[in-house]
Amino acid sequence: MTETLEIADPLRTRPTVGRQLGNTAGAVQRLIDAGLLYPAYRIGGRVMIPQSAVDDYLERVRIDPHRASA
């Protein structure tokens, strides 16, 4: 089963974590495994990452989230 990384946003108004970070899902998974992007929880085949965790990561690495999602 392939896992899907996405932001825990019930309205799905934001891009997936990979698109938001300008990265592939595999690279995002490596960030989670390294403890650089957290917290994450699993629902079925999906790894859910709260938007606040993505925002915190973007702030730490000083990436403009609008540019990263383009």
C-alpha atoms as a PDB file:
ATOM      1  CA  MET A   1       0.000   0.000   0.000  1.00  0.00           C
ATOM      2  CA  THR A   2       1.337   3.409  -0.953  1.00  0.00           C
ATOM      3  CA  GLU A   3       0.991   6.098   1.670  1.00  0.00           C
ATOM      4  CA  THR A   4      -0.186   9.588   0.802  1.00  0.00           C
ATOM      5  CA  LEU A   5       1.257  12.543   2.668  1.00  0.00           C
ATOM      6  CA  GLU A   6      -1.178  15.366   3.172  1.00  0.00           C
ATOM      7  CA  ILE A   7      -1.984  18.192   5.508  1.00  0.00           C
ATOM      8  CA  ALA A   8      -4.696  17.492   8.027  1.00  0.00           C
ATOM      9  CA  ASP A   9      -7.091  20.061   6.580  1.00  0.00           C
ATOM     10  CA  PRO A  10     -10.703  18.850   6.483  1.00  0.00           C
ATOM     11  CA  LEU A  11     -11.597  21.514   3.917  1.00  0.00           C
ATOM     12  CA  ARG A  12      -8.633  20.531   1.715  1.00  0.00           C
ATOM     13  CA  THR A  13      -8.021  24.145   0.800  1.00  0.00           C
ATOM     14  CA  ARG A  14      -4.233  23.862   0.865  1.00  0.00           C
ATOM     15  CA  PRO A  15      -1.857  21.892  -1.337  1.00  0.00           C
ATOM     16  CA  THR A  16      -0.398  18.597  -0.195  1.00  0.00           C
ATOM     17  CA  VAL A  17       2.658  18.727   2.058  1.00  0.00           C
ATOM     18  CA  GLY A  18       4.946  17.749  -0.810  1.00  0.00           C
ATOM     19  CA  ARG A  19       3.711  20.566  -3.035  1.00  0.00           C
ATOM     20  CA  GLN A  20       3.694  23.072  -0.191  1.00  0.00           C
ATOM     21  CA  LEU A  21       7.311  22.279   0.648  1.00  0.00           C
ATOM     22  CA  GLY A  22       8.316  22.105  -2.999  1.00  0.00           C
ATOM     23  CA  ASN A  23       9.313  18.491  -2.460  1.00  0.00           C
ATOM     24  CA  THR A  24       8.324  14.964  -3.366  1.00  0.00           C
ATOM     25  CA  ALA A  25       6.397  12.808  -0.911  1.00  0.00           C
ATOM     26  CA  GLY A  26       9.534  10.667  -0.425  1.00  0.00           C
ATOM     27  CA  ALA A  27      11.565  13.696   0.605  1.00  0.00           C
ATOM     28  CA  VAL A  28       8.821  14.789   3.004  1.00  0.00           C
ATOM     29  CA  GLN A  29       8.778  11.273   4.504  1.00  0.00           C
ATOM     30  CA  ARG A  30      12.538  11.539   5.088  1.00  0.00           C
ATOM     31  CA  LEU A  31      11.955  14.853   6.912  1.00  0.00           C
ATOM     32  CA  ILE A  32       9.379  13.123   9.135  1.00  0.00           C
ATOM     33  CA  ASP A  33      11.705  10.160   9.763  1.00  0.00           C
ATOM     34  CA  ALA A  34      14.529  12.543  10.706  1.00  0.00           C
ATOM     35  CA  GLY A  35      12.234  14.355  13.134  1.00  0.00           C
ATOM     36  CA  LEU A  36      12.482  17.620  11.191  1.00  0.00           C
ATOM     37  CA  LEU A  37       8.786  17.726  10.290  1.00  0.00           C
ATOM     38  CA  TYR A  38       6.313  16.644  12.951  1.00  0.00           C
ATOM     39  CA  PRO A  39       3.868  15.687  14.365  1.00  0.00           C
ATOM     40  CA  ALA A  40       2.353  13.226  11.930  1.00  0.00           C
ATOM     41  CA  TYR A  41      -0.290  10.598  12.428  1.00  0.00           C
ATOM     42  CA  ARG A  42      -1.633   7.874  10.225  1.00  0.00           C
ATOM     43  CA  ILE A  43      -5.175   7.234   9.050  1.00  0.00           C
ATOM     44  CA  GLY A  44      -5.285   4.185   6.822  1.00  0.00           C
ATOM     45  CA  GLY A  45      -2.794   4.728   4.014  1.00  0.00           C
ATOM     46  CA  ARG A  46      -2.483   8.460   4.659  1.00  0.00           C
ATOM     47  CA  VAL A  47       0.086  10.250   6.781  1.00  0.00           C
ATOM     48  CA  MET A  48      -1.584  13.366   8.113  1.00  0.00           C
ATOM     49  CA  ILE A  49       0.516  16.377   9.061  1.00  0.00           C
ATOM     50  CA  PRO A  50      -1.105  19.328  10.828  1.00  0.00           C
ATOM     51  CA  GLN A  51      -0.736  22.636   8.970  1.00  0.00           C
ATOM     52  CA  SER A  52       0.883  24.131  12.074  1.00  0.00           C
ATOM     53  CA  ALA A  53       3.728  21.589  11.794  1.00  0.00           C
ATOM     54  CA  VAL A  54       4.298  22.533   8.145  1.00  0.00           C
ATOM     55  CA  ASP A  55       4.215  26.241   9.026  1.00  0.00           C
ATOM     56  CA  ASP A  56       6.716  25.663  11.866  1.00  0.00           C
ATOM     57  CA  TYR A  57       9.055  23.783   9.516  1.00  0.00           C
ATOM     58  CA  LEU A  58       8.818  26.476   6.835  1.00  0.00           C
ATOM     59  CA  GLU A  59       9.602  29.107   9.462  1.00  0.00           C
ATOM     60  CA  ARG A  60      12.664  27.160  10.673  1.00  0.00           C
ATOM     61  CA  VAL A  61      14.108  26.816   7.181  1.00  0.00           C
ATOM     62  CA  ARG A  62      12.919  30.288   6.111  1.00  0.00           C
ATOM     63  CA  ILE A  63      11.033  29.206   3.007  1.00  0.00           C
ATOM     64  CA  ASP A  64       8.309  31.495   1.711  1.00  0.00           C
ATOM     65  CA  PRO A  65       5.247  29.163   1.791  1.00  0.00           C
ATOM     66  CA  HIS A  66       3.633  30.972  -1.143  1.00  0.00           C
ATOM     67  CA  ARG A  67       6.705  30.475  -3.319  1.00  0.00           C
ATOM     68  CA  ALA A  68       7.137  26.859  -2.162  1.00  0.00           C
ATOM     69  CA  SER A  69       3.596  25.945  -3.232  1.00  0.00           C
ATOM     70  CA  ALA A  70       3.877  27.482  -6.691  1.00  0.00           C
END
